[in-house]
Amino acid sequence: MRDNLREKLSEEITRKQFLQYLTGAVLMVLGLNNLISLLTGSRLEKHIYVHDAPAPGNNTSGFGNRSFGT
């Protein structure tokens, strides 16, 4: 097995083959990452942040509702 691996690593490959192997390796890493996060449930969800609503009767929006300099 070790000799077989050394033999494979010592073979010369073309640029096209190298790019194919590199693309396959990147896709495999991304796929494993997605699989692990799916199994562990730790996938980051997109959060929508909602600003706190003003108390009823307090109009805090609009031009001129704040004092100067704040």
C-alpha atoms as a PDB file:
ATOM      1  CA  MET A   1       0.000   0.000   0.000  1.00  0.00           C
ATOM      2  CA  ARG A   2       2.781   2.412   0.947  1.00  0.00           C
ATOM      3  CA  ASP A   3       4.680   1.604  -2.252  1.00  0.00           C
ATOM      4  CA  ASN A   4       1.514   2.091  -4.284  1.00  0.00           C
ATOM      5  CA  LEU A   5       0.999   5.539  -2.737  1.00  0.00           C
ATOM      6  CA  ARG A   6       4.622   6.538  -3.418  1.00  0.00           C
ATOM      7  CA  GLU A   7       4.263   5.344  -6.992  1.00  0.00           C
ATOM      8  CA  LYS A   8       1.115   7.412  -7.510  1.00  0.00           C
ATOM      9  CA  LEU A   9       2.676  10.511  -5.951  1.00  0.00           C
ATOM     10  CA  SER A  10       5.803  10.215  -8.106  1.00  0.00           C
ATOM     11  CA  GLU A  11       3.838  10.177 -11.381  1.00  0.00           C
ATOM     12  CA  GLU A  12       3.795  13.402 -13.342  1.00  0.00           C
ATOM     13  CA  ILE A  13       0.405  14.905 -14.112  1.00  0.00           C
ATOM     14  CA  THR A  14      -0.720  17.574 -16.534  1.00  0.00           C
ATOM     15  CA  ARG A  15      -1.994  20.978 -15.499  1.00  0.00           C
ATOM     16  CA  LYS A  16      -5.523  19.931 -16.455  1.00  0.00           C
ATOM     17  CA  GLN A  17      -5.342  16.852 -14.211  1.00  0.00           C
ATOM     18  CA  PHE A  18      -3.949  18.947 -11.354  1.00  0.00           C
ATOM     19  CA  LEU A  19      -6.819  21.429 -11.624  1.00  0.00           C
ATOM     20  CA  GLN A  20      -9.325  18.558 -11.746  1.00  0.00           C
ATOM     21  CA  TYR A  21      -7.845  17.015  -8.584  1.00  0.00           C
ATOM     22  CA  LEU A  22      -7.729  20.402  -6.857  1.00  0.00           C
ATOM     23  CA  THR A  23     -11.366  21.158  -7.744  1.00  0.00           C
ATOM     24  CA  GLY A  24     -12.428  17.721  -6.532  1.00  0.00           C
ATOM     25  CA  ALA A  25     -10.583  18.191  -3.242  1.00  0.00           C
ATOM     26  CA  VAL A  26     -12.164  21.608  -2.636  1.00  0.00           C
ATOM     27  CA  LEU A  27     -15.639  20.284  -3.385  1.00  0.00           C
ATOM     28  CA  MET A  28     -15.038  17.316  -1.091  1.00  0.00           C
ATOM     29  CA  VAL A  29     -13.961  19.589   1.782  1.00  0.00           C
ATOM     30  CA  LEU A  30     -16.987  21.856   1.298  1.00  0.00           C
ATOM     31  CA  GLY A  31     -19.292  18.856   1.112  1.00  0.00           C
ATOM     32  CA  LEU A  32     -17.858  17.355   4.295  1.00  0.00           C
ATOM     33  CA  ASN A  33     -18.204  20.701   6.050  1.00  0.00           C
ATOM     34  CA  ASN A  34     -21.880  20.925   5.049  1.00  0.00           C
ATOM     35  CA  LEU A  35     -22.497  17.316   6.075  1.00  0.00           C
ATOM     36  CA  ILE A  36     -20.922  17.821   9.505  1.00  0.00           C
ATOM     37  CA  SER A  37     -22.878  21.012  10.142  1.00  0.00           C
ATOM     38  CA  LEU A  38     -26.084  19.305   9.034  1.00  0.00           C
ATOM     39  CA  LEU A  39     -25.507  16.371  11.382  1.00  0.00           C
ATOM     40  CA  THR A  40     -24.532  18.527  14.354  1.00  0.00           C
ATOM     41  CA  GLY A  41     -27.216  21.149  13.753  1.00  0.00           C
ATOM     42  CA  SER A  42     -24.704  23.960  14.116  1.00  0.00           C
ATOM     43  CA  ARG A  43     -25.487  25.631  10.820  1.00  0.00           C
ATOM     44  CA  LEU A  44     -25.530  29.388  11.175  1.00  0.00           C
ATOM     45  CA  GLU A  45     -28.946  30.808  10.478  1.00  0.00           C
ATOM     46  CA  LYS A  46     -29.566  34.228   9.073  1.00  0.00           C
ATOM     47  CA  HIS A  47     -30.980  36.441  11.785  1.00  0.00           C
ATOM     48  CA  ILE A  48     -33.242  39.361  11.151  1.00  0.00           C
ATOM     49  CA  TYR A  49     -32.720  42.059  13.708  1.00  0.00           C
ATOM     50  CA  VAL A  50     -35.767  44.128  14.560  1.00  0.00           C
ATOM     51  CA  HIS A  51     -35.311  47.396  16.371  1.00  0.00           C
ATOM     52  CA  ASP A  52     -37.196  47.828  19.613  1.00  0.00           C
ATOM     53  CA  ALA A  53     -40.515  49.468  19.034  1.00  0.00           C
ATOM     54  CA  PRO A  54     -41.121  52.738  20.889  1.00  0.00           C
ATOM     55  CA  ALA A  55     -43.522  52.769  23.799  1.00  0.00           C
ATOM     56  CA  PRO A  56     -47.098  53.684  22.870  1.00  0.00           C
ATOM     57  CA  GLY A  57     -47.597  57.429  22.830  1.00  0.00           C
ATOM     58  CA  ASN A  58     -43.900  58.224  22.353  1.00  0.00           C
ATOM     59  CA  ASN A  59     -43.253  59.436  18.865  1.00  0.00           C
ATOM     60  CA  THR A  60     -39.508  58.984  18.474  1.00  0.00           C
ATOM     61  CA  SER A  61     -39.310  59.261  14.716  1.00  0.00           C
ATOM     62  CA  GLY A  62     -39.401  62.256  12.482  1.00  0.00           C
ATOM     63  CA  PHE A  63     -37.529  65.500  12.073  1.00  0.00           C
ATOM     64  CA  GLY A  64     -37.042  67.640  15.154  1.00  0.00           C
ATOM     65  CA  ASN A  65     -38.063  65.138  17.818  1.00  0.00           C
ATOM     66  CA  ARG A  66     -34.672  65.148  19.532  1.00  0.00           C
ATOM     67  CA  SER A  67     -32.971  67.968  21.304  1.00  0.00           C
ATOM     68  CA  PHE A  68     -30.031  69.588  19.577  1.00  0.00           C
ATOM     69  CA  GLY A  69     -26.694  67.784  20.006  1.00  0.00           C
ATOM     70  CA  THR A  70     -27.939  64.343  21.026  1.00  0.00           C
END
